[in-house]
């Protein structure tokens, strides 16, 4: 799923990507330890089928 998201983001300009990061993390701190706690509107719903489910 992450690879698909990365590929979909490649088409956007750097400025848009920076804005996206700053909306979720304005201080640019490393959020890895808290990744499951963070509300992320871009995260797919847990019941969303994955690409491999269609094949």
Protein backbone atom coordinates (compact mmCIF):
# COMPACT_ATOMS: atom_id res chain seq x y z
CA UNK A 1 0.00 0.00 0.00
CA UNK A 2 2.81 2.42 0.83
CA UNK A 3 4.46 1.88 -2.54
CA UNK A 4 1.22 2.70 -4.32
CA UNK A 5 0.87 5.90 -2.28
CA UNK A 6 4.47 6.89 -3.06
CA UNK A 7 3.92 6.37 -6.77
CA UNK A 8 0.73 8.42 -6.71
CA UNK A 9 2.56 11.29 -4.95
CA UNK A 10 5.36 11.43 -7.53
CA UNK A 11 3.22 13.39 -9.97
CA UNK A 12 2.84 16.34 -7.58
CA UNK A 13 5.23 19.25 -7.27
CA UNK A 14 7.59 19.50 -4.31
CA UNK A 15 5.74 22.55 -2.95
CA UNK A 16 2.51 20.55 -2.73
CA UNK A 17 4.29 17.70 -0.93
CA UNK A 18 5.81 20.11 1.59
CA UNK A 19 2.39 21.61 2.25
CA UNK A 20 0.99 18.11 2.82
CA UNK A 21 3.71 17.31 5.36
CA UNK A 22 3.31 20.62 7.14
CA UNK A 23 -0.46 20.16 7.49
CA UNK A 24 0.10 16.91 9.37
CA UNK A 25 3.38 17.80 11.07
CA UNK A 26 4.15 21.55 11.10
CA UNK A 27 7.27 21.12 13.27
CA UNK A 28 8.71 18.33 11.10
CA UNK A 29 9.40 16.14 14.16
CA UNK A 30 9.98 12.43 13.65
CA UNK A 31 6.58 10.82 14.23
CA UNK A 32 7.57 7.20 13.67
CA UNK A 33 7.10 6.19 17.32
CA UNK A 34 3.54 7.60 17.31
CA UNK A 35 2.44 6.62 13.81
CA UNK A 36 -0.59 4.60 14.97
CA UNK A 37 -1.83 7.44 17.21
CA UNK A 38 -1.95 10.09 14.51
CA UNK A 39 -5.22 10.88 12.77
CA UNK A 40 -4.43 10.77 9.07
CA UNK A 41 -7.16 11.55 6.56
CA UNK A 42 -4.98 10.08 3.82
CA UNK A 43 -4.77 6.66 5.44
CA UNK A 44 -7.15 4.22 3.76
CA UNK A 45 -10.06 2.89 5.79
CA UNK A 46 -9.13 -0.43 7.48
CA UNK A 47 -11.77 -2.25 5.39
CA UNK A 48 -10.46 -0.93 2.08
CA UNK A 49 -9.51 -3.71 -0.28
CA UNK A 50 -5.89 -3.81 -1.37
CA UNK A 51 -4.76 -3.82 -4.97
CA UNK A 52 -3.74 -7.49 -4.72
CA UNK A 53 -7.33 -8.39 -3.72
CA UNK A 54 -8.49 -7.53 -7.23
CA UNK A 55 -6.16 -9.94 -8.97
